[in-house]
Amino acid sequence: MDQREFTQMVQQYQRLVYTVCYQLVQDAQLAEDLAQETFLSAYMHRDDCPPGAYKPWLARIAANKAKDHLKSAYRRRVQPDDGETGPMAFMADGSGGPEDIVLARDEAGRARRAIEDLREPYGQVARRYFLQGQTVEEIARALERPPKTVHTQLYRARQMLQKTLRERGDHDGL
């Protein structure tokens, strides 16, 4: 992926990435910081992204960044108390409105339902990867499968999800 493609990807998915982060951390400023970290990480690993799978790839990075933050020892010791961390802060900062929140939740809900409806063995692998944020290695260990098998199952699950979401009207897919 070249610089121009990456810039287009950032412009297209910046709201999605912010919303994913915000939904997890419930803090507008922190969500902005995590969104920036997400795009920095995406840029550093841009060659690892499967072609055409930018949306789920970025959403997964964003979710992992937010989850990592929530797990951090610093987060457990220091809780901000500035009064500007609720849903109204999201709307007041000009980065989006209620319709953006509803659209993001609806999109996430459709994807979640599609993942949960996958037949086995793909469903179990996809749930662990997309919904729980586990790595291929973690999934392979937990399910006692070779990592290559997990990669293959994820590839097939992604194809099934793209087809399902296209049929349901979500043309961006996974």
N, C-alpha and C. Protein backbone atom coordinates (compact mmCIF):
# COMPACT_ATOMS: atom_id res chain seq x y z
N MET A 1 0.86 -1.17 0.00
CA MET A 1 0.00 0.00 0.00
C MET A 1 0.90 1.23 0.00
N ASP A 2 0.67 2.11 -0.94
CA ASP A 2 1.49 3.31 -1.02
C ASP A 2 0.88 4.43 -0.16
N GLN A 3 1.59 5.55 -0.08
CA GLN A 3 1.19 6.68 0.77
C GLN A 3 -0.19 7.22 0.40
N ARG A 4 -0.46 7.31 -0.89
CA ARG A 4 -1.76 7.84 -1.35
C ARG A 4 -2.91 6.93 -0.91
N GLU A 5 -2.72 5.63 -1.08
CA GLU A 5 -3.75 4.66 -0.67
C GLU A 5 -3.97 4.71 0.84
N PHE A 6 -2.88 4.84 1.57
CA PHE A 6 -3.01 4.91 3.03
C PHE A 6 -3.77 6.17 3.44
N THR A 7 -3.46 7.29 2.82
CA THR A 7 -4.16 8.55 3.11
C THR A 7 -5.65 8.42 2.82
N GLN A 8 -6.00 7.79 1.73
CA GLN A 8 -7.41 7.57 1.39
C GLN A 8 -8.08 6.68 2.43
N MET A 9 -7.36 5.65 2.86
CA MET A 9 -7.90 4.74 3.87
C MET A 9 -8.18 5.50 5.17
N VAL A 10 -7.24 6.35 5.57
CA VAL A 10 -7.43 7.14 6.80
C VAL A 10 -8.66 8.02 6.67
N GLN A 11 -8.78 8.71 5.56
CA GLN A 11 -9.93 9.60 5.36
C GLN A 11 -11.24 8.83 5.36
N GLN A 12 -11.25 7.67 4.76
CA GLN A 12 -12.47 6.88 4.65
C GLN A 12 -12.90 6.29 6.00
N TYR A 13 -11.94 5.87 6.82
CA TYR A 13 -12.28 5.12 8.02
C TYR A 13 -11.97 5.84 9.34
N GLN A 14 -11.64 7.12 9.30
CA GLN A 14 -11.28 7.79 10.54
C GLN A 14 -12.43 7.82 11.54
N ARG A 15 -13.65 8.04 11.07
CA ARG A 15 -14.80 8.05 11.98
C ARG A 15 -15.06 6.67 12.58
N LEU A 16 -14.95 5.64 11.76
CA LEU A 16 -15.14 4.28 12.24
C LEU A 16 -14.13 3.96 13.34
N VAL A 17 -12.86 4.27 13.10
CA VAL A 17 -11.82 3.99 14.07
C VAL A 17 -12.08 4.75 15.36
N TYR A 18 -12.42 6.03 15.24
CA TYR A 18 -12.72 6.83 16.42
C TYR A 18 -13.89 6.23 17.19
N THR A 19 -14.94 5.86 16.48
CA THR A 19 -16.14 5.32 17.13
C THR A 19 -15.85 4.01 17.84
N VAL A 20 -15.07 3.14 17.23
CA VAL A 20 -14.69 1.88 17.89
C VAL A 20 -13.96 2.19 19.19
N CYS A 21 -13.00 3.08 19.12
CA CYS A 21 -12.23 3.45 20.33
C CYS A 21 -13.15 4.08 21.38
N TYR A 22 -13.99 5.00 20.94
CA TYR A 22 -14.86 5.69 21.89
C TYR A 22 -15.84 4.73 22.56
N GLN A 23 -16.39 3.80 21.80
CA GLN A 23 -17.34 2.85 22.38
C GLN A 23 -16.71 2.04 23.51
N LEU A 24 -15.42 1.80 23.41
CA LEU A 24 -14.75 1.01 24.43
C LEU A 24 -14.25 1.84 25.61
N VAL A 25 -13.72 3.04 25.35
CA VAL A 25 -13.13 3.82 26.44
C VAL A 25 -14.04 4.90 27.00
N GLN A 26 -15.09 5.28 26.26
CA GLN A 26 -16.06 6.28 26.70
C GLN A 26 -15.41 7.60 27.11
N ASP A 27 -14.38 8.01 26.38
CA ASP A 27 -13.69 9.27 26.63
C ASP A 27 -13.27 9.84 25.29
N ALA A 28 -13.80 11.02 24.95
CA ALA A 28 -13.59 11.60 23.63
C ALA A 28 -12.11 11.85 23.33
N GLN A 29 -11.40 12.48 24.25
CA GLN A 29 -10.00 12.79 24.02
C GLN A 29 -9.15 11.53 23.93
N LEU A 30 -9.41 10.61 24.82
CA LEU A 30 -8.67 9.35 24.80
C LEU A 30 -8.95 8.58 23.51
N ALA A 31 -10.20 8.60 23.06
CA ALA A 31 -10.56 7.93 21.81
C ALA A 31 -9.80 8.54 20.63
N GLU A 32 -9.64 9.87 20.64
CA GLU A 32 -8.86 10.52 19.58
C GLU A 32 -7.41 10.05 19.62
N ASP A 33 -6.84 9.99 20.82
CA ASP A 33 -5.45 9.53 20.96
C ASP A 33 -5.30 8.09 20.48
N LEU A 34 -6.25 7.24 20.88
CA LEU A 34 -6.19 5.84 20.47
C LEU A 34 -6.39 5.69 18.96
N ALA A 35 -7.23 6.54 18.38
CA ALA A 35 -7.43 6.51 16.92
C ALA A 35 -6.11 6.86 16.22
N GLN A 36 -5.40 7.86 16.74
CA GLN A 36 -4.11 8.22 16.16
C GLN A 36 -3.13 7.06 16.29
N GLU A 37 -3.11 6.41 17.46
CA GLU A 37 -2.24 5.26 17.66
C GLU A 37 -2.61 4.13 16.69
N THR A 38 -3.90 3.97 16.46
CA THR A 38 -4.37 2.94 15.53
C THR A 38 -3.81 3.18 14.14
N PHE A 39 -3.92 4.41 13.66
CA PHE A 39 -3.43 4.71 12.32
C PHE A 39 -1.91 4.65 12.24
N LEU A 40 -1.24 5.00 13.31
CA LEU A 40 0.22 4.87 13.34
C LEU A 40 0.60 3.39 13.23
N SER A 41 -0.07 2.56 14.02
CA SER A 41 0.20 1.13 13.96
C SER A 41 -0.14 0.56 12.59
N ALA A 42 -1.26 1.01 12.03
CA ALA A 42 -1.67 0.55 10.71
C ALA A 42 -0.63 0.94 9.66
N TYR A 43 -0.10 2.14 9.78
CA TYR A 43 0.91 2.59 8.83
C TYR A 43 2.18 1.74 8.95
N MET A 44 2.56 1.45 10.19
CA MET A 44 3.78 0.66 10.41
C MET A 44 3.62 -0.77 9.87
N HIS A 45 2.39 -1.28 9.86
CA HIS A 45 2.14 -2.66 9.43
C HIS A 45 1.25 -2.71 8.19
N ARG A 46 1.29 -1.67 7.38
CA ARG A 46 0.37 -1.56 6.24
C ARG A 46 0.53 -2.69 5.23
N ASP A 47 1.68 -3.29 5.17
CA ASP A 47 1.87 -4.39 4.22
C ASP A 47 1.26 -5.70 4.72
N ASP A 48 0.85 -5.75 5.99
CA ASP A 48 0.23 -6.95 6.55
C ASP A 48 -1.27 -7.02 6.28
N CYS A 49 -1.85 -5.92 5.85
CA CYS A 49 -3.29 -5.87 5.62
C CYS A 49 -3.66 -6.60 4.35
N PRO A 50 -4.60 -7.54 4.44
CA PRO A 50 -5.06 -8.20 3.22
C PRO A 50 -5.72 -7.18 2.29
N PRO A 51 -5.45 -7.24 1.01
CA PRO A 51 -6.03 -6.27 0.08
C PRO A 51 -7.56 -6.27 0.16
N GLY A 52 -8.11 -5.07 0.26
CA GLY A 52 -9.55 -4.92 0.31
C GLY A 52 -10.18 -5.18 1.67
N ALA A 53 -9.39 -5.49 2.67
CA ALA A 53 -9.92 -5.79 4.00
C ALA A 53 -9.55 -4.69 5.00
N TYR A 54 -9.49 -3.46 4.53
CA TYR A 54 -9.05 -2.37 5.38
C TYR A 54 -9.98 -2.14 6.57
N LYS A 55 -11.25 -2.19 6.32
CA LYS A 55 -12.24 -1.87 7.35
C LYS A 55 -12.13 -2.79 8.58
N PRO A 56 -12.23 -4.12 8.43
CA PRO A 56 -12.13 -4.97 9.62
C PRO A 56 -10.74 -4.94 10.23
N TRP A 57 -9.74 -4.78 9.39
CA TRP A 57 -8.36 -4.72 9.87
C TRP A 57 -8.18 -3.51 10.78
N LEU A 58 -8.64 -2.35 10.34
CA LEU A 58 -8.53 -1.13 11.15
C LEU A 58 -9.39 -1.23 12.41
N ALA A 59 -10.60 -1.77 12.27
CA ALA A 59 -11.49 -1.90 13.43
C ALA A 59 -10.86 -2.81 14.48
N ARG A 60 -10.21 -3.86 14.04
CA ARG A 60 -9.56 -4.78 14.98
C ARG A 60 -8.37 -4.12 15.68
N ILE A 61 -7.58 -3.38 14.91
CA ILE A 61 -6.46 -2.66 15.52
C ILE A 61 -6.99 -1.66 16.55
N ALA A 62 -8.02 -0.91 16.18
CA ALA A 62 -8.60 0.08 17.09
C ALA A 62 -9.12 -0.58 18.36
N ALA A 63 -9.84 -1.67 18.21
CA ALA A 63 -10.38 -2.37 19.38
C ALA A 63 -9.25 -2.89 20.26
N ASN A 64 -8.22 -3.42 19.65
CA ASN A 64 -7.09 -3.91 20.44
C ASN A 64 -6.37 -2.78 21.16
N LYS A 65 -6.21 -1.64 20.51
CA LYS A 65 -5.57 -0.49 21.16
C LYS A 65 -6.39 -0.06 22.38
N ALA A 66 -7.71 0.03 22.20
CA ALA A 66 -8.58 0.45 23.31
C ALA A 66 -8.56 -0.59 24.43
N LYS A 67 -8.62 -1.86 24.07
CA LYS A 67 -8.59 -2.92 25.09
C LYS A 67 -7.27 -2.92 25.84
N ASP A 68 -6.18 -2.74 25.11
CA ASP A 68 -4.87 -2.66 25.76
C ASP A 68 -4.84 -1.51 26.75
N HIS A 69 -5.40 -0.39 26.35
CA HIS A 69 -5.43 0.76 27.26
C HIS A 69 -6.24 0.43 28.51
N LEU A 70 -7.38 -0.18 28.32
CA LEU A 70 -8.24 -0.50 29.46
C LEU A 70 -7.59 -1.51 30.40
N LYS A 71 -6.75 -2.36 29.87
CA LYS A 71 -6.06 -3.36 30.68
C LYS A 71 -4.82 -2.81 31.39
N SER A 72 -4.34 -1.69 30.93
CA SER A 72 -3.05 -1.20 31.43
C SER A 72 -3.09 -0.87 32.93
N ALA A 73 -1.98 -1.04 33.56
CA ALA A 73 -1.87 -0.74 34.98
C ALA A 73 -2.12 0.75 35.24
N TYR A 74 -1.68 1.60 34.34
CA TYR A 74 -1.89 3.04 34.49
C TYR A 74 -3.38 3.35 34.55
N ARG A 75 -4.13 2.74 33.69
CA ARG A 75 -5.57 2.97 33.64
C ARG A 75 -6.22 2.57 34.95
N ARG A 76 -5.77 1.48 35.55
CA ARG A 76 -6.36 1.03 36.81
C ARG A 76 -6.01 1.97 37.95
N ARG A 77 -4.86 2.62 37.90
CA ARG A 77 -4.44 3.52 38.97
C ARG A 77 -5.01 4.92 38.83
N VAL A 78 -5.17 5.40 37.60
CA VAL A 78 -5.57 6.78 37.37
C VAL A 78 -6.86 6.82 36.55
N GLN A 79 -7.91 7.33 37.14
CA GLN A 79 -9.17 7.49 36.44
C GLN A 79 -9.44 8.97 36.25
N PRO A 80 -9.59 9.44 35.01
CA PRO A 80 -9.86 10.85 34.80
C PRO A 80 -11.23 11.23 35.35
N ASP A 81 -11.32 12.43 35.86
CA ASP A 81 -12.58 12.91 36.40
C ASP A 81 -12.77 14.35 35.97
N ASP A 82 -12.89 14.54 34.65
CA ASP A 82 -12.99 15.91 34.15
C ASP A 82 -14.42 16.28 33.74
N GLY A 83 -15.36 15.34 33.91
CA GLY A 83 -16.75 15.64 33.59
C GLY A 83 -17.05 15.71 32.11
N GLU A 84 -16.08 15.54 31.23
CA GLU A 84 -16.29 15.65 29.79
C GLU A 84 -16.09 14.30 29.10
N THR A 85 -16.45 13.23 29.76
CA THR A 85 -16.18 11.93 29.18
C THR A 85 -17.42 11.16 28.77
N GLY A 86 -18.59 11.70 28.94
CA GLY A 86 -19.82 10.99 28.61
C GLY A 86 -20.17 11.10 27.14
N PRO A 87 -21.33 10.58 26.77
CA PRO A 87 -21.75 10.62 25.38
C PRO A 87 -21.88 12.03 24.83
N MET A 88 -22.21 12.99 25.67
CA MET A 88 -22.36 14.36 25.20
C MET A 88 -21.01 14.94 24.75
N ALA A 89 -19.92 14.49 25.35
CA ALA A 89 -18.60 14.96 24.94
C ALA A 89 -18.33 14.54 23.50
N PHE A 90 -18.76 13.36 23.14
CA PHE A 90 -18.58 12.88 21.77
C PHE A 90 -19.30 13.81 20.79
N MET A 91 -20.51 14.22 21.15
CA MET A 91 -21.27 15.07 20.24
C MET A 91 -20.76 16.51 20.27
N ALA A 92 -20.27 16.96 21.39
CA ALA A 92 -19.84 18.34 21.51
C ALA A 92 -18.51 18.62 20.83
N ASP A 93 -17.71 17.60 20.62
CA ASP A 93 -16.39 17.87 20.05
C ASP A 93 -16.42 18.02 18.53
N GLY A 94 -17.59 17.90 17.93
CA GLY A 94 -17.70 18.12 16.48
C GLY A 94 -17.28 16.95 15.63
N SER A 95 -16.94 15.82 16.24
CA SER A 95 -16.44 14.70 15.46
C SER A 95 -17.56 13.78 14.99
N GLY A 96 -18.77 14.02 15.43
CA GLY A 96 -19.87 13.17 14.98
C GLY A 96 -21.09 13.43 15.82
N GLY A 97 -22.16 12.85 15.42
CA GLY A 97 -23.40 13.05 16.14
C GLY A 97 -24.06 11.73 16.45
N PRO A 98 -25.27 11.82 16.97
CA PRO A 98 -25.98 10.60 17.33
C PRO A 98 -26.16 9.65 16.15
N GLU A 99 -26.37 10.21 14.96
CA GLU A 99 -26.57 9.34 13.80
C GLU A 99 -25.31 8.52 13.50
N ASP A 100 -24.13 9.11 13.75
CA ASP A 100 -22.89 8.36 13.54
C ASP A 100 -22.78 7.21 14.53
N ILE A 101 -23.18 7.46 15.76
CA ILE A 101 -23.14 6.42 16.79
C ILE A 101 -24.10 5.30 16.42
N VAL A 102 -25.31 5.66 16.01
CA VAL A 102 -26.31 4.66 15.64
C VAL A 102 -25.84 3.85 14.44
N LEU A 103 -25.31 4.53 13.42
CA LEU A 103 -24.83 3.82 12.24
C LEU A 103 -23.69 2.86 12.58
N ALA A 104 -22.77 3.31 13.41
CA ALA A 104 -21.63 2.46 13.78
C ALA A 104 -22.12 1.24 14.58
N ARG A 105 -23.07 1.46 15.49
CA ARG A 105 -23.60 0.34 16.28
C ARG A 105 -24.36 -0.63 15.38
N ASP A 106 -25.14 -0.10 14.44
CA ASP A 106 -25.91 -0.95 13.54
C ASP A 106 -24.96 -1.80 12.69
N GLU A 107 -23.92 -1.15 12.17
CA GLU A 107 -22.93 -1.85 11.35
C GLU A 107 -22.23 -2.94 12.16
N ALA A 108 -21.85 -2.59 13.38
CA ALA A 108 -21.19 -3.56 14.25
C ALA A 108 -22.14 -4.71 14.58
N GLY A 109 -23.40 -4.40 14.79
CA GLY A 109 -24.38 -5.43 15.10
C GLY A 109 -24.58 -6.40 13.94
N ARG A 110 -24.64 -5.88 12.72
CA ARG A 110 -24.78 -6.75 11.55
C ARG A 110 -23.57 -7.67 11.41
N ALA A 111 -22.39 -7.10 11.60
CA ALA A 111 -21.17 -7.91 11.49
C ALA A 111 -21.14 -8.97 12.59
N ARG A 112 -21.49 -8.57 13.80
CA ARG A 112 -21.50 -9.52 14.93
C ARG A 112 -22.47 -10.68 14.66
N ARG A 113 -23.66 -10.36 14.19
CA ARG A 113 -24.65 -11.42 13.90
C ARG A 113 -24.14 -12.35 12.80
N ALA A 114 -23.50 -11.79 11.79
CA ALA A 114 -22.96 -12.61 10.70
C ALA A 114 -21.87 -13.54 11.23
N ILE A 115 -21.04 -13.03 12.11
CA ILE A 115 -19.96 -13.84 12.70
C ILE A 115 -20.56 -14.94 13.55
N GLU A 116 -21.54 -14.60 14.37
CA GLU A 116 -22.15 -15.60 15.26
C GLU A 116 -22.92 -16.67 14.49
N ASP A 117 -23.36 -16.35 13.26
CA ASP A 117 -24.13 -17.30 12.45
C ASP A 117 -23.24 -18.23 11.61
N LEU A 118 -21.94 -18.01 11.60
CA LEU A 118 -21.06 -18.85 10.79
C LEU A 118 -21.09 -20.30 11.27
N ARG A 119 -21.05 -21.23 10.30
CA ARG A 119 -21.00 -22.65 10.66
C ARG A 119 -19.61 -23.00 11.17
N GLU A 120 -19.56 -24.08 11.90
CA GLU A 120 -18.28 -24.54 12.44
C GLU A 120 -17.50 -25.28 11.36
N PRO A 121 -16.19 -25.25 11.42
CA PRO A 121 -15.31 -24.75 12.47
C PRO A 121 -15.01 -23.25 12.35
N TYR A 122 -15.60 -22.59 11.36
CA TYR A 122 -15.28 -21.20 11.07
C TYR A 122 -15.82 -20.24 12.12
N GLY A 123 -16.99 -20.56 12.66
CA GLY A 123 -17.62 -19.67 13.63
C GLY A 123 -16.78 -19.48 14.87
N GLN A 124 -16.27 -20.56 15.42
CA GLN A 124 -15.49 -20.49 16.65
C GLN A 124 -14.21 -19.67 16.43
N VAL A 125 -13.55 -19.91 15.32
CA VAL A 125 -12.31 -19.18 15.00
C VAL A 125 -12.62 -17.70 14.77
N ALA A 126 -13.67 -17.42 14.00
CA ALA A 126 -14.03 -16.03 13.70
C ALA A 126 -14.44 -15.27 14.95
N ARG A 127 -15.22 -15.89 15.84
CA ARG A 127 -15.62 -15.22 17.09
C ARG A 127 -14.39 -14.86 17.93
N ARG A 128 -13.48 -15.78 18.04
CA ARG A 128 -12.28 -15.52 18.84
C ARG A 128 -11.43 -14.41 18.21
N TYR A 129 -11.33 -14.42 16.89
CA TYR A 129 -10.46 -13.46 16.20
C TYR A 129 -11.11 -12.08 16.12
N PHE A 130 -12.33 -12.00 15.57
CA PHE A 130 -12.96 -10.71 15.32
C PHE A 130 -13.63 -10.11 16.56
N LEU A 131 -14.25 -10.94 17.38
CA LEU A 131 -15.01 -10.40 18.50
C LEU A 131 -14.20 -10.33 19.79
N GLN A 132 -13.31 -11.30 19.99
CA GLN A 132 -12.54 -11.32 21.23
C GLN A 132 -11.13 -10.76 21.06
N GLY A 133 -10.73 -10.53 19.81
CA GLY A 133 -9.43 -9.93 19.55
C GLY A 133 -8.25 -10.84 19.80
N GLN A 134 -8.46 -12.15 19.77
CA GLN A 134 -7.36 -13.08 19.99
C GLN A 134 -6.50 -13.16 18.73
N THR A 135 -5.24 -13.44 18.93
CA THR A 135 -4.32 -13.62 17.81
C THR A 135 -4.47 -15.04 17.26
N VAL A 136 -3.92 -15.25 16.07
CA VAL A 136 -3.96 -16.58 15.47
C VAL A 136 -3.26 -17.58 16.39
N GLU A 137 -2.15 -17.19 16.97
CA GLU A 137 -1.40 -18.08 17.84
C GLU A 137 -2.22 -18.45 19.08
N GLU A 138 -2.92 -17.47 19.66
CA GLU A 138 -3.76 -17.74 20.84
C GLU A 138 -4.90 -18.69 20.48
N ILE A 139 -5.49 -18.48 19.33
CA ILE A 139 -6.59 -19.34 18.89
C ILE A 139 -6.08 -20.76 18.65
N ALA A 140 -4.94 -20.86 17.99
CA ALA A 140 -4.35 -22.18 17.70
C ALA A 140 -4.09 -22.95 18.99
N ARG A 141 -3.53 -22.27 19.98
CA ARG A 141 -3.27 -22.92 21.27
C ARG A 141 -4.57 -23.34 21.94
N ALA A 142 -5.53 -22.44 22.00
CA ALA A 142 -6.80 -22.72 22.70
C ALA A 142 -7.58 -23.86 22.05
N LEU A 143 -7.56 -23.90 20.72
CA LEU A 143 -8.33 -24.92 20.00
C LEU A 143 -7.50 -26.14 19.64
N GLU A 144 -6.22 -26.09 20.01
CA GLU A 144 -5.29 -27.19 19.73
C GLU A 144 -5.26 -27.53 18.23
N ARG A 145 -5.08 -26.45 17.44
CA ARG A 145 -4.99 -26.58 15.98
C ARG A 145 -3.70 -25.93 15.53
N PRO A 146 -3.15 -26.38 14.42
CA PRO A 146 -1.96 -25.71 13.88
C PRO A 146 -2.32 -24.28 13.45
N PRO A 147 -1.40 -23.32 13.63
CA PRO A 147 -1.66 -21.94 13.20
C PRO A 147 -2.06 -21.84 11.73
N LYS A 148 -1.47 -22.67 10.88
CA LYS A 148 -1.80 -22.64 9.46
C LYS A 148 -3.27 -22.99 9.24
N THR A 149 -3.79 -23.93 10.02
CA THR A 149 -5.20 -24.31 9.93
C THR A 149 -6.08 -23.13 10.35
N VAL A 150 -5.68 -22.45 11.41
CA VAL A 150 -6.44 -21.29 11.88
C VAL A 150 -6.43 -20.20 10.82
N HIS A 151 -5.28 -19.95 10.21
CA HIS A 151 -5.20 -18.96 9.12
C HIS A 151 -6.16 -19.31 7.99
N THR A 152 -6.16 -20.58 7.60
CA THR A 152 -7.04 -21.03 6.51
C THR A 152 -8.51 -20.86 6.90
N GLN A 153 -8.84 -21.22 8.14
CA GLN A 153 -10.23 -21.09 8.59
C GLN A 153 -10.65 -19.62 8.66
N LEU A 154 -9.74 -18.76 9.07
CA LEU A 154 -10.04 -17.33 9.10
C LEU A 154 -10.25 -16.79 7.69
N TYR A 155 -9.43 -17.22 6.76
CA TYR A 155 -9.57 -16.80 5.37
C TYR A 155 -10.94 -17.19 4.84
N ARG A 156 -11.33 -18.43 5.09
CA ARG A 156 -12.63 -18.91 4.61
C ARG A 156 -13.77 -18.22 5.34
N ALA A 157 -13.61 -17.99 6.63
CA ALA A 157 -14.64 -17.28 7.41
C ALA A 157 -14.82 -15.87 6.86
N ARG A 158 -13.73 -15.21 6.55
CA ARG A 158 -13.80 -13.85 6.01
C ARG A 158 -14.55 -13.84 4.67
N GLN A 159 -14.27 -14.83 3.83
CA GLN A 159 -14.98 -14.93 2.55
C GLN A 159 -16.47 -15.12 2.77
N MET A 160 -16.83 -16.00 3.70
CA MET A 160 -18.25 -16.24 3.99
C MET A 160 -18.91 -14.99 4.54
N LEU A 161 -18.20 -14.28 5.41
CA LEU A 161 -18.74 -13.05 6.00
C LEU A 161 -18.96 -11.98 4.94
N GLN A 162 -18.00 -11.83 4.05
CA GLN A 162 -18.15 -10.84 2.98
C GLN A 162 -19.37 -11.15 2.14
N LYS A 163 -19.55 -12.41 1.81
CA LYS A 163 -20.71 -12.81 1.00
C LYS A 163 -22.00 -12.54 1.77
N THR A 164 -22.05 -12.92 3.02
CA THR A 164 -23.24 -12.72 3.84
C THR A 164 -23.57 -11.25 3.98
N LEU A 165 -22.58 -10.42 4.27
CA LEU A 165 -22.83 -9.00 4.47
C LEU A 165 -23.22 -8.32 3.16
N ARG A 166 -22.66 -8.77 2.05
CA ARG A 166 -23.07 -8.22 0.75
C ARG A 166 -24.54 -8.55 0.48
N GLU A 167 -24.91 -9.77 0.78
CA GLU A 167 -26.30 -10.21 0.57
C GLU A 167 -27.27 -9.44 1.47
N ARG A 168 -26.80 -9.08 2.64
CA ARG A 168 -27.65 -8.34 3.59
C ARG A 168 -27.63 -6.84 3.32
N GLY A 169 -26.80 -6.41 2.38
CA GLY A 169 -26.81 -5.00 2.00
C GLY A 169 -25.65 -4.19 2.52
N ASP A 170 -24.68 -4.79 3.20
CA ASP A 170 -23.50 -4.05 3.67
C ASP A 170 -22.39 -4.29 2.67
N HIS A 171 -22.24 -3.39 1.71
CA HIS A 171 -21.31 -3.59 0.60
C HIS A 171 -19.85 -3.45 0.98
N ASP A 172 -19.56 -2.87 2.16
CA ASP A 172 -18.15 -2.74 2.56
C ASP A 172 -17.59 -4.08 3.01
N GLY A 173 -18.43 -4.93 3.60
CA GLY A 173 -17.99 -6.25 4.01
C GLY A 173 -16.94 -6.21 5.09
N LEU A 174 -16.25 -7.35 5.24
CA LEU A 174 -15.18 -7.47 6.22
C LEU A 174 -13.86 -7.66 5.54
